[in-house]
Amino acid sequence: MKNEIRIYDNGGKTFDRYTAIFMDRNYPCTLNTYECLGMSENPFYPQGFCQHSAAMPGQHLGKRIELSELPADCQKAIQQEIS
C-alpha cells in the first residue's frame, strides 16, 4: 500500500477544498484515521492553505478524484510530501 493516496474534492464548499489522505500512514491508536494534507487551490500562495492533519476517508470529504485532476500546485505539494 506504499504511497496509496486517496484524494477528495469538496467542490469549493470550504477553503480547504482538497484533502489528500496517505493510506500508508495510519494512526495506530485510532480506527481508520490517517495522515492527510488539506489544501486550497493555491497551496503555496500567501493567501492559500496547505496543512497537515488527520482524516478518515469517506464521502464527507467530497468527491473522490485522481491526482491528475488536482491543480498543478496541489500535485506539487503531494509530490513533495511523498518524496
PDB file of N, CA and C in Angstrom:
ATOM      1  N   MET A   1       0.826  -1.195   0.000  1.00  0.00           N
ATOM      2  CA  MET A   1       0.000   0.000   0.000  1.00  0.00           C
ATOM      3  C   MET A   1       0.866   1.253   0.000  1.00  0.00           C
ATOM      4  N   LYS A   2       2.148   1.137  -0.199  1.00  0.00           N
ATOM      5  CA  LYS A   2       3.057   2.277  -0.181  1.00  0.00           C
ATOM      6  C   LYS A   2       2.593   3.357  -1.148  1.00  0.00           C
ATOM      7  N   ASN A   3       2.500   4.565  -0.638  1.00  0.00           N
ATOM      8  CA  ASN A   3       2.100   5.749  -1.402  1.00  0.00           C
ATOM      9  C   ASN A   3       0.696   5.672  -1.979  1.00  0.00           C
ATOM     10  N   GLU A   4      -0.185   4.837  -1.407  1.00  0.00           N
ATOM     11  CA  GLU A   4      -1.582   4.901  -1.833  1.00  0.00           C
ATOM     12  C   GLU A   4      -2.165   6.177  -1.267  1.00  0.00           C
ATOM     13  N   ILE A   5      -2.700   6.998  -2.155  1.00  0.00           N
ATOM     14  CA  ILE A   5      -3.243   8.287  -1.755  1.00  0.00           C
ATOM     15  C   ILE A   5      -4.682   8.377  -2.259  1.00  0.00           C
ATOM     16  N   ARG A   6      -5.578   8.745  -1.372  1.00  0.00           N
ATOM     17  CA  ARG A   6      -6.961   8.997  -1.755  1.00  0.00           C
ATOM     18  C   ARG A   6      -7.166  10.500  -1.711  1.00  0.00           C
ATOM     19  N   ILE A   7      -7.669  11.038  -2.806  1.00  0.00           N
ATOM     20  CA  ILE A   7      -7.829  12.478  -2.929  1.00  0.00           C
ATOM     21  C   ILE A   7      -9.308  12.809  -3.050  1.00  0.00           C
ATOM     22  N   TYR A   8      -9.729  13.802  -2.288  1.00  0.00           N
ATOM     23  CA  TYR A   8     -11.128  14.221  -2.274  1.00  0.00           C
ATOM     24  C   TYR A   8     -11.232  15.709  -2.617  1.00  0.00           C
ATOM     25  N   ASP A   9     -12.312  16.073  -3.280  1.00  0.00           N
ATOM     26  CA  ASP A   9     -12.613  17.450  -3.664  1.00  0.00           C
ATOM     27  C   ASP A   9     -14.023  17.762  -3.188  1.00  0.00           C
ATOM     28  N   ASN A  10     -14.152  18.740  -2.309  1.00  0.00           N
ATOM     29  CA  ASN A  10     -15.487  19.090  -1.818  1.00  0.00           C
ATOM     30  C   ASN A  10     -16.180  20.138  -2.692  1.00  0.00           C
ATOM     31  N   GLY A  11     -15.626  20.410  -3.866  1.00  0.00           N
ATOM     32  CA  GLY A  11     -16.262  21.313  -4.819  1.00  0.00           C
ATOM     33  C   GLY A  11     -16.202  22.774  -4.444  1.00  0.00           C
ATOM     34  N   GLY A  12     -15.373  23.122  -3.488  1.00  0.00           N
ATOM     35  CA  GLY A  12     -15.235  24.521  -3.084  1.00  0.00           C
ATOM     36  C   GLY A  12     -16.156  24.921  -1.939  1.00  0.00           C
ATOM     37  N   LYS A  13     -16.734  23.954  -1.243  1.00  0.00           N
ATOM     38  CA  LYS A  13     -17.614  24.271  -0.115  1.00  0.00           C
ATOM     39  C   LYS A  13     -16.848  24.905   1.037  1.00  0.00           C
ATOM     40  N   THR A  14     -15.550  24.586   1.141  1.00  0.00           N
ATOM     41  CA  THR A  14     -14.705  25.174   2.180  1.00  0.00           C
ATOM     42  C   THR A  14     -13.391  25.624   1.548  1.00  0.00           C
ATOM     43  N   PHE A  15     -12.647  26.449   2.285  1.00  0.00           N
ATOM     44  CA  PHE A  15     -11.381  26.960   1.768  1.00  0.00           C
ATOM     45  C   PHE A  15     -10.374  25.836   1.556  1.00  0.00           C
ATOM     46  N   ASP A  16     -10.402  24.828   2.436  1.00  0.00           N
ATOM     47  CA  ASP A  16      -9.526  23.663   2.275  1.00  0.00           C
ATOM     48  C   ASP A  16     -10.240  22.632   1.386  1.00  0.00           C
ATOM     49  N   ARG A  17     -10.415  22.998   0.160  1.00  0.00           N
ATOM     50  CA  ARG A  17     -11.214  22.245  -0.803  1.00  0.00           C
ATOM     51  C   ARG A  17     -10.733  20.809  -1.017  1.00  0.00           C
ATOM     52  N   TYR A  18      -9.425  20.608  -1.063  1.00  0.00           N
ATOM     53  CA  TYR A  18      -8.854  19.303  -1.392  1.00  0.00           C
ATOM     54  C   TYR A  18      -8.264  18.634  -0.154  1.00  0.00           C
ATOM     55  N   THR A  19      -8.460  17.318  -0.059  1.00  0.00           N
ATOM     56  CA  THR A  19      -7.860  16.530   1.010  1.00  0.00           C
ATOM     57  C   THR A  19      -7.169  15.328   0.384  1.00  0.00           C
ATOM     58  N   ALA A  20      -5.883  15.194   0.640  1.00  0.00           N
ATOM     59  CA  ALA A  20      -5.109  14.039   0.168  1.00  0.00           C
ATOM     60  C   ALA A  20      -4.784  13.189   1.393  1.00  0.00           C
ATOM     61  N   ILE A  21      -5.307  11.966   1.429  1.00  0.00           N
ATOM     62  CA  ILE A  21      -5.100  11.072   2.560  1.00  0.00           C
ATOM     63  C   ILE A  21      -4.041  10.042   2.190  1.00  0.00           C
ATOM     64  N   PHE A  22      -3.032   9.921   3.042  1.00  0.00           N
ATOM     65  CA  PHE A  22      -1.927   8.994   2.829  1.00  0.00           C
ATOM     66  C   PHE A  22      -2.266   7.685   3.550  1.00  0.00           C
ATOM     67  N   MET A  23      -2.753   6.718   2.794  1.00  0.00           N
ATOM     68  CA  MET A  23      -3.296   5.490   3.357  1.00  0.00           C
ATOM     69  C   MET A  23      -2.242   4.587   3.998  1.00  0.00           C
ATOM     70  N   ASP A  24      -0.973   4.858   3.764  1.00  0.00           N
ATOM     71  CA  ASP A  24       0.080   4.065   4.407  1.00  0.00           C
ATOM     72  C   ASP A  24       0.576   4.718   5.694  1.00  0.00           C
ATOM     73  N   ARG A  25      -0.120   5.750   6.158  1.00  0.00           N
ATOM     74  CA  ARG A  25       0.292   6.473   7.365  1.00  0.00           C
ATOM     75  C   ARG A  25      -0.871   6.550   8.357  1.00  0.00           C
ATOM     76  N   ASN A  26      -1.292   5.423   8.845  1.00  0.00           N
ATOM     77  CA  ASN A  26      -2.415   5.440   9.776  1.00  0.00           C
ATOM     78  C   ASN A  26      -1.952   5.693  11.206  1.00  0.00           C
ATOM     79  N   TYR A  27      -2.876   6.156  12.021  1.00  0.00           N
ATOM     80  CA  TYR A  27      -2.611   6.381  13.433  1.00  0.00           C
ATOM     81  C   TYR A  27      -2.990   5.115  14.182  1.00  0.00           C
ATOM     82  N   PRO A  28      -2.029   4.469  14.838  1.00  0.00           N
ATOM     83  CA  PRO A  28      -2.296   3.174  15.470  1.00  0.00           C
ATOM     84  C   PRO A  28      -3.336   3.218  16.589  1.00  0.00           C
ATOM     85  N   CYS A  29      -3.521   4.346  17.212  1.00  0.00           N
ATOM     86  CA  CYS A  29      -4.451   4.407  18.343  1.00  0.00           C
ATOM     87  C   CYS A  29      -5.873   4.769  17.931  1.00  0.00           C
ATOM     88  N   THR A  30      -6.107   5.011  16.639  1.00  0.00           N
ATOM     89  CA  THR A  30      -7.455   5.359  16.188  1.00  0.00           C
ATOM     90  C   THR A  30      -7.829   4.511  14.978  1.00  0.00           C
ATOM     91  N   LEU A  31      -9.082   4.217  14.854  1.00  0.00           N
ATOM     92  CA  LEU A  31      -9.578   3.381  13.774  1.00  0.00           C
ATOM     93  C   LEU A  31      -9.840   4.207  12.519  1.00  0.00           C
ATOM     94  N   ASN A  32      -9.258   3.801  11.418  1.00  0.00           N
ATOM     95  CA  ASN A  32      -9.491   4.431  10.108  1.00  0.00           C
ATOM     96  C   ASN A  32      -9.118   5.907  10.044  1.00  0.00           C
ATOM     97  N   THR A  33      -8.122   6.328  10.794  1.00  0.00           N
ATOM     98  CA  THR A  33      -7.656   7.712  10.739  1.00  0.00           C
ATOM     99  C   THR A  33      -6.231   7.721  10.201  1.00  0.00           C
ATOM    100  N   TYR A  34      -5.991   8.593   9.220  1.00  0.00           N
ATOM    101  CA  TYR A  34      -4.718   8.622   8.509  1.00  0.00           C
ATOM    102  C   TYR A  34      -4.197  10.054   8.413  1.00  0.00           C
ATOM    103  N   GLU A  35      -2.895  10.170   8.200  1.00  0.00           N
ATOM    104  CA  GLU A  35      -2.314  11.481   7.937  1.00  0.00           C
ATOM    105  C   GLU A  35      -2.885  12.013   6.624  1.00  0.00           C
ATOM    106  N   CYS A  36      -3.057  13.316   6.568  1.00  0.00           N
ATOM    107  CA  CYS A  36      -3.577  13.910   5.336  1.00  0.00           C
ATOM    108  C   CYS A  36      -2.981  15.296   5.131  1.00  0.00           C
ATOM    109  N   LEU A  37      -3.238  15.813   3.957  1.00  0.00           N
ATOM    110  CA  LEU A  37      -2.835  17.165   3.592  1.00  0.00           C
ATOM    111  C   LEU A  37      -4.081  17.870   3.082  1.00  0.00           C
ATOM    112  N   GLY A  38      -4.497  18.910   3.777  1.00  0.00           N
ATOM    113  CA  GLY A  38      -5.630  19.727   3.344  1.00  0.00           C
ATOM    114  C   GLY A  38      -5.104  20.921   2.576  1.00  0.00           C
ATOM    115  N   MET A  39      -5.740  21.235   1.441  1.00  0.00           N
ATOM    116  CA  MET A  39      -5.210  22.294   0.574  1.00  0.00           C
ATOM    117  C   MET A  39      -6.313  23.130  -0.067  1.00  0.00           C
ATOM    118  N   SER A  40      -5.970  24.378  -0.312  1.00  0.00           N
ATOM    119  CA  SER A  40      -6.791  25.213  -1.181  1.00  0.00           C
ATOM    120  C   SER A  40      -6.263  25.027  -2.605  1.00  0.00           C
ATOM    121  N   GLU A  41      -6.852  25.733  -3.549  1.00  0.00           N
ATOM    122  CA  GLU A  41      -6.419  25.617  -4.940  1.00  0.00           C
ATOM    123  C   GLU A  41      -5.006  26.138  -5.154  1.00  0.00           C
ATOM    124  N   ASN A  42      -4.545  27.016  -4.281  1.00  0.00           N
ATOM    125  CA  ASN A  42      -3.211  27.623  -4.396  1.00  0.00           C
ATOM    126  C   ASN A  42      -2.437  27.419  -3.092  1.00  0.00           C
ATOM    127  N   PRO A  43      -1.961  26.209  -2.842  1.00  0.00           N
ATOM    128  CA  PRO A  43      -1.369  25.908  -1.541  1.00  0.00           C
ATOM    129  C   PRO A  43      -0.071  26.647  -1.211  1.00  0.00           C
ATOM    130  N   PHE A  44       0.620  27.180  -2.199  1.00  0.00           N
ATOM    131  CA  PHE A  44       1.896  27.858  -1.941  1.00  0.00           C
ATOM    132  C   PHE A  44       1.771  29.378  -1.862  1.00  0.00           C
ATOM    133  N   TYR A  45       0.600  29.914  -2.148  1.00  0.00           N
ATOM    134  CA  TYR A  45       0.421  31.366  -2.125  1.00  0.00           C
ATOM    135  C   TYR A  45       0.217  31.849  -0.696  1.00  0.00           C
ATOM    136  N   PRO A  46       0.572  33.110  -0.413  1.00  0.00           N
ATOM    137  CA  PRO A  46       0.399  33.637   0.945  1.00  0.00           C
ATOM    138  C   PRO A  46      -1.047  33.555   1.448  1.00  0.00           C
ATOM    139  N   GLN A  47      -2.026  33.708   0.561  1.00  0.00           N
ATOM    140  CA  GLN A  47      -3.421  33.605   0.966  1.00  0.00           C
ATOM    141  C   GLN A  47      -3.984  32.199   0.727  1.00  0.00           C
ATOM    142  N   GLY A  48      -3.126  31.259   0.381  1.00  0.00           N
ATOM    143  CA  GLY A  48      -3.537  29.879   0.163  1.00  0.00           C
ATOM    144  C   GLY A  48      -3.502  29.090   1.460  1.00  0.00           C
ATOM    145  N   PHE A  49      -3.764  27.802   1.330  1.00  0.00           N
ATOM    146  CA  PHE A  49      -3.817  26.939   2.506  1.00  0.00           C
ATOM    147  C   PHE A  49      -3.224  25.582   2.172  1.00  0.00           C
ATOM    148  N   CYS A  50      -2.356  25.079   3.038  1.00  0.00           N
ATOM    149  CA  CYS A  50      -1.794  23.742   2.901  1.00  0.00           C
ATOM    150  C   CYS A  50      -1.336  23.318   4.287  1.00  0.00           C
ATOM    151  N   GLN A  51      -2.037  22.339   4.877  1.00  0.00           N
ATOM    152  CA  GLN A  51      -1.746  21.972   6.256  1.00  0.00           C
ATOM    153  C   GLN A  51      -1.869  20.471   6.463  1.00  0.00           C
ATOM    154  N   HIS A  52      -0.940  19.921   7.255  1.00  0.00           N
ATOM    155  CA  HIS A  52      -1.012  18.512   7.646  1.00  0.00           C
ATOM    156  C   HIS A  52      -2.077  18.352   8.719  1.00  0.00           C
ATOM    157  N   SER A  53      -2.740  17.214   8.666  1.00  0.00           N
ATOM    158  CA  SER A  53      -3.768  16.913   9.657  1.00  0.00           C
ATOM    159  C   SER A  53      -4.010  15.412   9.667  1.00  0.00           C
ATOM    160  N   ALA A  54      -5.124  15.011  10.227  1.00  0.00           N
ATOM    161  CA  ALA A  54      -5.555  13.617  10.220  1.00  0.00           C
ATOM    162  C   ALA A  54      -6.997  13.583   9.743  1.00  0.00           C
ATOM    163  N   ALA A  55      -7.339  12.519   9.026  1.00  0.00           N
ATOM    164  CA  ALA A  55      -8.700  12.419   8.489  1.00  0.00           C
ATOM    165  C   ALA A  55      -9.109  10.972   8.326  1.00  0.00           C
ATOM    166  N   MET A  56     -10.405  10.789   8.300  1.00  0.00           N
ATOM    167  CA  MET A  56     -10.995   9.490   7.982  1.00  0.00           C
ATOM    168  C   MET A  56     -11.497   9.582   6.543  1.00  0.00           C
ATOM    169  N   PRO A  57     -11.111   8.641   5.679  1.00  0.00           N
ATOM    170  CA  PRO A  57     -11.584   8.687   4.299  1.00  0.00           C
ATOM    171  C   PRO A  57     -13.100   8.536   4.238  1.00  0.00           C
ATOM    172  N   GLY A  58     -13.687   9.155   3.217  1.00  0.00           N
ATOM    173  CA  GLY A  58     -15.121   8.983   3.022  1.00  0.00           C
ATOM    174  C   GLY A  58     -15.775  10.133   2.293  1.00  0.00           C
ATOM    175  N   GLN A  59     -17.044   9.952   1.984  1.00  0.00           N
ATOM    176  CA  GLN A  59     -17.818  10.921   1.208  1.00  0.00           C
ATOM    177  C   GLN A  59     -17.970  12.260   1.914  1.00  0.00           C
ATOM    178  N   HIS A  60     -17.792  12.289   3.232  1.00  0.00           N
ATOM    179  CA  HIS A  60     -17.904  13.547   3.957  1.00  0.00           C
ATOM    180  C   HIS A  60     -16.842  14.556   3.518  1.00  0.00           C
ATOM    181  N   LEU A  61     -15.791  14.069   2.840  1.00  0.00           N
ATOM    182  CA  LEU A  61     -14.725  14.953   2.337  1.00  0.00           C
ATOM    183  C   LEU A  61     -15.001  15.433   0.915  1.00  0.00           C
ATOM    184  N   GLY A  62     -16.034  14.919   0.302  1.00  0.00           N
ATOM    185  CA  GLY A  62     -16.363  15.309  -1.067  1.00  0.00           C
ATOM    186  C   GLY A  62     -16.228  14.147  -2.028  1.00  0.00           C
ATOM    187  N   LYS A  63     -16.106  14.496  -3.291  1.00  0.00           N
ATOM    188  CA  LYS A  63     -15.992  13.503  -4.356  1.00  0.00           C
ATOM    189  C   LYS A  63     -14.551  13.029  -4.468  1.00  0.00           C
ATOM    190  N   ARG A  64     -14.379  11.732  -4.630  1.00  0.00           N
ATOM    191  CA  ARG A  64     -13.031  11.195  -4.807  1.00  0.00           C
ATOM    192  C   ARG A  64     -12.564  11.478  -6.232  1.00  0.00           C
ATOM    193  N   ILE A  65     -11.325  11.986  -6.357  1.00  0.00           N
ATOM    194  CA  ILE A  65     -10.763  12.338  -7.657  1.00  0.00           C
ATOM    195  C   ILE A  65      -9.368  11.741  -7.807  1.00  0.00           C
ATOM    196  N   GLU A  66      -8.833  11.842  -9.006  1.00  0.00           N
ATOM    197  CA  GLU A  66      -7.481  11.368  -9.307  1.00  0.00           C
ATOM    198  C   GLU A  66      -6.480  12.507  -9.105  1.00  0.00           C
ATOM    199  N   LEU A  67      -5.238  12.148  -8.873  1.00  0.00           N
ATOM    200  CA  LEU A  67      -4.168  13.126  -8.709  1.00  0.00           C
ATOM    201  C   LEU A  67      -4.110  14.083  -9.898  1.00  0.00           C
ATOM    202  N   SER A  68      -4.297  13.557 -11.093  1.00  0.00           N
ATOM    203  CA  SER A  68      -4.214  14.375 -12.315  1.00  0.00           C
ATOM    204  C   SER A  68      -5.312  15.428 -12.400  1.00  0.00           C
ATOM    205  N   GLU A  69      -6.367  15.301 -11.604  1.00  0.00           N
ATOM    206  CA  GLU A  69      -7.462  16.269 -11.621  1.00  0.00           C
ATOM    207  C   GLU A  69      -7.208  17.467 -10.710  1.00  0.00           C
ATOM    208  N   LEU A  70      -6.173  17.396  -9.899  1.00  0.00           N
ATOM    209  CA  LEU A  70      -5.829  18.498  -8.991  1.00  0.00           C
ATOM    210  C   LEU A  70      -5.129  19.619  -9.745  1.00  0.00           C
ATOM    211  N   PRO A  71      -5.219  20.855  -9.235  1.00  0.00           N
ATOM    212  CA  PRO A  71      -4.395  21.927  -9.784  1.00  0.00           C
ATOM    213  C   PRO A  71      -2.912  21.557  -9.665  1.00  0.00           C
ATOM    214  N   ALA A  72      -2.094  22.082 -10.551  1.00  0.00           N
ATOM    215  CA  ALA A  72      -0.665  21.733 -10.605  1.00  0.00           C
ATOM    216  C   ALA A  72       0.038  21.950  -9.268  1.00  0.00           C
ATOM    217  N   ASP A  73      -0.255  23.054  -8.576  1.00  0.00           N
ATOM    218  CA  ASP A  73       0.414  23.308  -7.293  1.00  0.00           C
ATOM    219  C   ASP A  73       0.010  22.300  -6.218  1.00  0.00           C
ATOM    220  N   CYS A  74      -1.213  21.803  -6.251  1.00  0.00           N
ATOM    221  CA  CYS A  74      -1.639  20.768  -5.300  1.00  0.00           C
ATOM    222  C   CYS A  74      -0.916  19.463  -5.598  1.00  0.00           C
ATOM    223  N   GLN A  75      -0.753  19.147  -6.872  1.00  0.00           N
ATOM    224  CA  GLN A  75       0.005  17.959  -7.250  1.00  0.00           C
ATOM    225  C   GLN A  75       1.441  18.074  -6.750  1.00  0.00           C
ATOM    226  N   LYS A  76       2.006  19.260  -6.888  1.00  0.00           N
ATOM    227  CA  LYS A  76       3.377  19.501  -6.434  1.00  0.00           C
ATOM    228  C   LYS A  76       3.493  19.333  -4.914  1.00  0.00           C
ATOM    229  N   ALA A  77       2.519  19.818  -4.170  1.00  0.00           N
ATOM    230  CA  ALA A  77       2.554  19.691  -2.705  1.00  0.00           C
ATOM    231  C   ALA A  77       2.518  18.226  -2.286  1.00  0.00           C
ATOM    232  N   ILE A  78       1.725  17.417  -2.981  1.00  0.00           N
ATOM    233  CA  ILE A  78       1.659  15.991  -2.666  1.00  0.00           C
ATOM    234  C   ILE A  78       2.968  15.311  -3.040  1.00  0.00           C
ATOM    235  N   GLN A  79       3.523  15.642  -4.189  1.00  0.00           N
ATOM    236  CA  GLN A  79       4.791  15.045  -4.603  1.00  0.00           C
ATOM    237  C   GLN A  79       5.903  15.382  -3.610  1.00  0.00           C
ATOM    238  N   GLN A  80       5.925  16.608  -3.107  1.00  0.00           N
ATOM    239  CA  GLN A  80       6.923  16.990  -2.102  1.00  0.00           C
ATOM    240  C   GLN A  80       6.727  16.191  -0.819  1.00  0.00           C
ATOM    241  N   GLU A  81       5.499  15.890  -0.478  1.00  0.00           N
ATOM    242  CA  GLU A  81       5.212  15.149   0.745  1.00  0.00           C
ATOM    243  C   GLU A  81       5.671  13.703   0.661  1.00  0.00           C
ATOM    244  N   ILE A  82       5.543  13.071  -0.493  1.00  0.00           N
ATOM    245  CA  ILE A  82       5.886  11.649  -0.604  1.00  0.00           C
ATOM    246  C   ILE A  82       7.326  11.410  -1.040  1.00  0.00           C
ATOM    247  N   SER A  83       8.062  12.478  -1.407  1.00  0.00           N
ATOM    248  CA  SER A  83       9.452  12.289  -1.817  1.00  0.00           C
ATOM    249  C   SER A  83      10.372  12.217  -0.623  1.00  0.00           C
TER     250      SER A  83
END
